[in-house]
Structure formats: C-alpha cells, structure tokens
Amino acid sequence: MKIALKEWSEALVGLTPEQLTIALQHCKTTCEFPPSIAQFRKAALGIMPAEQAWLCRYTDTLASAAYEQCDSYLMKQLSEKEARARFIDAYELLADDLCRGNRNE
C-alpha cells in the first residue's frame, strides 16, 4: 500500500486541485474500473482518446498540434484510414509527452 501511495503521490505532482476534480469526475462517470496513473493524468489534463481527437483535429489544441505534425499535403493524398492512422500515431506521442509533463506541443 505504501508503494502505491508513493507512486500516485509522485504522479499527481503538478496537477491543480481543479484538474484533480475534473479527473475524479471523469473517472466516476466513465470508468468501470479504477484508472491507471496514466489514464488519470490524461483525464486531469483533458487529453481525449485518439479516435475522438481525430474528430476534433481542427478545434482542439492538442489534436491540431498533432495534425500539424503530419504533412498536410501528404495527409490529403492518403485515404482517410491511412491519414487517421498517421494522425493517431502523432497524437498519442504528443499526449504521452504532455502526460509526462513535457509541454512541447
């Protein structure tokens, strides 16, 4: 139990009380099981699932940054399935960086 408390305490450093509240509400309403640390941090930071981000790629800040990292000319040449896969790869990398505390989007 002490190890789990230590891990969670370290993982929550840097999150505001408002972000913690958002994550708790998200987990109460959408999670069937307790979340992992990474899932909880993503909820606290407002990081949506990659498939949802694809639909918001022109309006969400993180999704837009991921889309910009993909070559827009190339994206228009690809099938939607290929473009979505390329976007999801870029989005997940940015989301993971943000979740770890790197803010280079």
Foldseek 3Di string as FASTA:
>chain_A
DVVVVVVLVVLCPPQDPQLQVQLVVCCVPPPPDDDDSLSSLCSSVVNDQLVVLVVCLPPDPLSVVLLVVPPPVVLVVDDVVVSSVSSSVSSVVCSVCVSVPHDPD
